[in-house]
Amino acid sequence: MKENRKIKKTALKIVERIVRNEAKRDIWGDPPLCIGIGHQPKRPKRK
């Protein structure tokens, strides 16, 4: 019985870690958007 409880606790910890990592990926995006895309300097006008 004690071994069964230990296995359940270990499995729950593993599942919790996986869920947390997936949530972080969803929140921050994977791959993350580059800030450089938002800043596009104007090109000089041709003379």
PDB file of N, CA and C in Angstrom:
ATOM      1  N   MET A   1       0.803  -1.191   0.000  1.00  0.00           N
ATOM      2  CA  MET A   1       0.000   0.000   0.000  1.00  0.00           C
ATOM      3  C   MET A   1       0.854   1.267   0.000  1.00  0.00           C
ATOM      4  N   LYS A   2       1.899   1.278   0.805  1.00  0.00           N
ATOM      5  CA  LYS A   2       2.751   2.467   0.873  1.00  0.00           C
ATOM      6  C   LYS A   2       3.458   2.704  -0.450  1.00  0.00           C
ATOM      7  N   GLU A   3       3.859   1.638  -1.114  1.00  0.00           N
ATOM      8  CA  GLU A   3       4.521   1.777  -2.410  1.00  0.00           C
ATOM      9  C   GLU A   3       3.564   2.372  -3.434  1.00  0.00           C
ATOM     10  N   ASN A   4       2.311   1.945  -3.367  1.00  0.00           N
ATOM     11  CA  ASN A   4       1.294   2.447  -4.287  1.00  0.00           C
ATOM     12  C   ASN A   4       1.103   3.957  -4.097  1.00  0.00           C
ATOM     13  N   ARG A   5       1.081   4.420  -2.856  1.00  0.00           N
ATOM     14  CA  ARG A   5       0.929   5.848  -2.563  1.00  0.00           C
ATOM     15  C   ARG A   5       2.140   6.631  -3.065  1.00  0.00           C
ATOM     16  N   LYS A   6       3.318   6.037  -2.878  1.00  0.00           N
ATOM     17  CA  LYS A   6       4.544   6.699  -3.312  1.00  0.00           C
ATOM     18  C   LYS A   6       4.551   6.850  -4.834  1.00  0.00           C
ATOM     19  N   ILE A   7       4.109   5.826  -5.538  1.00  0.00           N
ATOM     20  CA  ILE A   7       4.044   5.874  -6.992  1.00  0.00           C
ATOM     21  C   ILE A   7       3.048   6.940  -7.439  1.00  0.00           C
ATOM     22  N   LYS A   8       1.910   7.026  -6.767  1.00  0.00           N
ATOM     23  CA  LYS A   8       0.896   8.031  -7.108  1.00  0.00           C
ATOM     24  C   LYS A   8       1.428   9.441  -6.900  1.00  0.00           C
ATOM     25  N   LYS A   9       2.128   9.670  -5.777  1.00  0.00           N
ATOM     26  CA  LYS A   9       2.686  10.994  -5.505  1.00  0.00           C
ATOM     27  C   LYS A   9       3.724  11.370  -6.554  1.00  0.00           C
ATOM     28  N   THR A  10       4.579  10.417  -6.910  1.00  0.00           N
ATOM     29  CA  THR A  10       5.598  10.677  -7.914  1.00  0.00           C
ATOM     30  C   THR A  10       4.961  10.980  -9.263  1.00  0.00           C
ATOM     31  N   ALA A  11       3.947  10.220  -9.635  1.00  0.00           N
ATOM     32  CA  ALA A  11       3.259  10.450 -10.903  1.00  0.00           C
ATOM     33  C   ALA A  11       2.589  11.821 -10.907  1.00  0.00           C
ATOM     34  N   LEU A  12       1.977  12.216  -9.804  1.00  0.00           N
ATOM     35  CA  LEU A  12       1.344  13.529  -9.730  1.00  0.00           C
ATOM     36  C   LEU A  12       2.362  14.656  -9.860  1.00  0.00           C
ATOM     37  N   LYS A  13       3.522  14.498  -9.253  1.00  0.00           N
ATOM     38  CA  LYS A  13       4.570  15.515  -9.369  1.00  0.00           C
ATOM     39  C   LYS A  13       5.040  15.645 -10.815  1.00  0.00           C
ATOM     40  N   ILE A  14       5.188  14.518 -11.491  1.00  0.00           N
ATOM     41  CA  ILE A  14       5.632  14.535 -12.891  1.00  0.00           C
ATOM     42  C   ILE A  14       4.587  15.209 -13.769  1.00  0.00           C
ATOM     43  N   VAL A  15       3.328  14.855 -13.566  1.00  0.00           N
ATOM     44  CA  VAL A  15       2.248  15.456 -14.356  1.00  0.00           C
ATOM     45  C   VAL A  15       2.168  16.956 -14.090  1.00  0.00           C
ATOM     46  N   GLU A  16       2.328  17.349 -12.833  1.00  0.00           N
ATOM     47  CA  GLU A  16       2.283  18.772 -12.488  1.00  0.00           C
ATOM     48  C   GLU A  16       3.399  19.532 -13.207  1.00  0.00           C
ATOM     49  N   ARG A  17       4.588  18.970 -13.229  1.00  0.00           N
ATOM     50  CA  ARG A  17       5.724  19.610 -13.895  1.00  0.00           C
ATOM     51  C   ARG A  17       5.466  19.755 -15.392  1.00  0.00           C
ATOM     52  N   ILE A  18       4.912  18.709 -16.006  1.00  0.00           N
ATOM     53  CA  ILE A  18       4.612  18.757 -17.443  1.00  0.00           C
ATOM     54  C   ILE A  18       3.570  19.832 -17.732  1.00  0.00           C
ATOM     55  N   VAL A  19       2.519  19.890 -16.925  1.00  0.00           N
ATOM     56  CA  VAL A  19       1.459  20.874 -17.141  1.00  0.00           C
ATOM     57  C   VAL A  19       1.995  22.288 -16.969  1.00  0.00           C
ATOM     58  N   ARG A  20       2.816  22.497 -15.976  1.00  0.00           N
ATOM     59  CA  ARG A  20       3.387  23.836 -15.765  1.00  0.00           C
ATOM     60  C   ARG A  20       4.247  24.254 -16.948  1.00  0.00           C
ATOM     61  N   ASN A  21       5.075  23.347 -17.455  1.00  0.00           N
ATOM     62  CA  ASN A  21       5.923  23.672 -18.605  1.00  0.00           C
ATOM     63  C   ASN A  21       5.084  23.985 -19.837  1.00  0.00           C
ATOM     64  N   GLU A  22       4.028  23.232 -20.065  1.00  0.00           N
ATOM     65  CA  GLU A  22       3.150  23.488 -21.210  1.00  0.00           C
ATOM     66  C   GLU A  22       2.460  24.844 -21.061  1.00  0.00           C
ATOM     67  N   ALA A  23       2.039  25.178 -19.857  1.00  0.00           N
ATOM     68  CA  ALA A  23       1.382  26.472 -19.628  1.00  0.00           C
ATOM     69  C   ALA A  23       2.351  27.615 -19.891  1.00  0.00           C
ATOM     70  N   LYS A  24       3.606  27.467 -19.458  1.00  0.00           N
ATOM     71  CA  LYS A  24       4.605  28.509 -19.714  1.00  0.00           C
ATOM     72  C   LYS A  24       4.823  28.681 -21.211  1.00  0.00           C
ATOM     73  N   ARG A  25       4.866  27.580 -21.951  1.00  0.00           N
ATOM     74  CA  ARG A  25       5.045  27.664 -23.401  1.00  0.00           C
ATOM     75  C   ARG A  25       3.880  28.389 -24.055  1.00  0.00           C
ATOM     76  N   ASP A  26       2.662  28.105 -23.595  1.00  0.00           N
ATOM     77  CA  ASP A  26       1.485  28.752 -24.173  1.00  0.00           C
ATOM     78  C   ASP A  26       1.465  30.242 -23.863  1.00  0.00           C
ATOM     79  N   ILE A  27       1.876  30.607 -22.659  1.00  0.00           N
ATOM     80  CA  ILE A  27       1.852  32.013 -22.263  1.00  0.00           C
ATOM     81  C   ILE A  27       2.918  32.805 -23.018  1.00  0.00           C
ATOM     82  N   TRP A  28       4.130  32.308 -23.048  1.00  0.00           N
ATOM     83  CA  TRP A  28       5.242  33.052 -23.635  1.00  0.00           C
ATOM     84  C   TRP A  28       5.425  32.781 -25.118  1.00  0.00           C
ATOM     85  N   GLY A  29       4.769  31.774 -25.632  1.00  0.00           N
ATOM     86  CA  GLY A  29       4.904  31.463 -27.045  1.00  0.00           C
ATOM     87  C   GLY A  29       6.186  30.689 -27.307  1.00  0.00           C
ATOM     88  N   ASP A  30       6.125  29.838 -28.274  1.00  0.00           N
ATOM     89  CA  ASP A  30       7.305  29.054 -28.601  1.00  0.00           C
ATOM     90  C   ASP A  30       7.375  28.910 -30.098  1.00  0.00           C
ATOM     91  N   PRO A  31       8.258  29.478 -30.810  1.00  0.00           N
ATOM     92  CA  PRO A  31       9.358  30.315 -30.327  1.00  0.00           C
ATOM     93  C   PRO A  31       8.865  31.712 -29.970  1.00  0.00           C
ATOM     94  N   PRO A  32       9.566  32.384 -29.085  1.00  0.00           N
ATOM     95  CA  PRO A  32       9.128  33.715 -28.683  1.00  0.00           C
ATOM     96  C   PRO A  32       9.262  34.718 -29.825  1.00  0.00           C
ATOM     97  N   LEU A  33       8.359  35.673 -29.830  1.00  0.00           N
ATOM     98  CA  LEU A  33       8.419  36.702 -30.854  1.00  0.00           C
ATOM     99  C   LEU A  33       9.608  37.611 -30.589  1.00  0.00           C
ATOM    100  N   CYS A  34      10.293  37.960 -31.630  1.00  0.00           N
ATOM    101  CA  CYS A  34      11.458  38.831 -31.500  1.00  0.00           C
ATOM    102  C   CYS A  34      10.997  40.280 -31.384  1.00  0.00           C
ATOM    103  N   ILE A  35      11.582  41.029 -30.476  1.00  0.00           N
ATOM    104  CA  ILE A  35      11.218  42.432 -30.300  1.00  0.00           C
ATOM    105  C   ILE A  35      11.654  43.237 -31.526  1.00  0.00           C
ATOM    106  N   GLY A  36      12.677  42.782 -32.213  1.00  0.00           N
ATOM    107  CA  GLY A  36      13.176  43.487 -33.393  1.00  0.00           C
ATOM    108  C   GLY A  36      12.160  43.568 -34.506  1.00  0.00           C
ATOM    109  N   ILE A  37      11.192  42.666 -34.535  1.00  0.00           N
ATOM    110  CA  ILE A  37      10.163  42.709 -35.571  1.00  0.00           C
ATOM    111  C   ILE A  37       9.297  43.948 -35.381  1.00  0.00           C
ATOM    112  N   GLY A  38       9.075  44.348 -34.151  1.00  0.00           N
ATOM    113  CA  GLY A  38       8.242  45.521 -33.877  1.00  0.00           C
ATOM    114  C   GLY A  38       8.920  46.821 -34.257  1.00  0.00           C
ATOM    115  N   HIS A  39      10.237  46.856 -34.246  1.00  0.00           N
ATOM    116  CA  HIS A  39      10.974  48.076 -34.574  1.00  0.00           C
ATOM    117  C   HIS A  39      11.571  47.938 -35.970  1.00  0.00           C
ATOM    118  N   GLN A  40      10.946  48.579 -36.922  1.00  0.00           N
ATOM    119  CA  GLN A  40      11.438  48.564 -38.300  1.00  0.00           C
ATOM    120  C   GLN A  40      11.753  49.999 -38.696  1.00  0.00           C
ATOM    121  N   PRO A  41      13.027  50.369 -38.744  1.00  0.00           N
ATOM    122  CA  PRO A  41      13.360  51.753 -39.087  1.00  0.00           C
ATOM    123  C   PRO A  41      12.978  52.036 -40.542  1.00  0.00           C
ATOM    124  N   LYS A  42      12.647  53.295 -40.798  1.00  0.00           N
ATOM    125  CA  LYS A  42      12.300  53.691 -42.166  1.00  0.00           C
ATOM    126  C   LYS A  42      13.565  53.722 -43.000  1.00  0.00           C
ATOM    127  N   ARG A  43      13.396  53.314 -44.237  1.00  0.00           N
ATOM    128  CA  ARG A  43      14.526  53.396 -45.161  1.00  0.00           C
ATOM    129  C   ARG A  43      14.641  54.822 -45.687  1.00  0.00           C
ATOM    130  N   PRO A  44      15.840  55.245 -45.968  1.00  0.00           N
ATOM    131  CA  PRO A  44      15.987  56.603 -46.500  1.00  0.00           C
ATOM    132  C   PRO A  44      15.376  56.690 -47.905  1.00  0.00           C
ATOM    133  N   LYS A  45      14.822  57.849 -48.194  1.00  0.00           N
ATOM    134  CA  LYS A  45      14.236  58.064 -49.513  1.00  0.00           C
ATOM    135  C   LYS A  45      15.329  58.217 -50.546  1.00  0.00           C
ATOM    136  N   ARG A  46      15.103  57.659 -51.706  1.00  0.00           N
ATOM    137  CA  ARG A  46      16.080  57.807 -52.797  1.00  0.00           C
ATOM    138  C   ARG A  46      15.959  59.198 -53.390  1.00  0.00           C
ATOM    139  N   LYS A  47      17.089  59.753 -53.716  1.00  0.00           N
ATOM    140  CA  LYS A  47      17.091  61.105 -54.288  1.00  0.00           C
ATOM    141  C   LYS A  47      17.360  61.068 -55.763  1.00  0.00           C
TER     142      LYS A  47
END
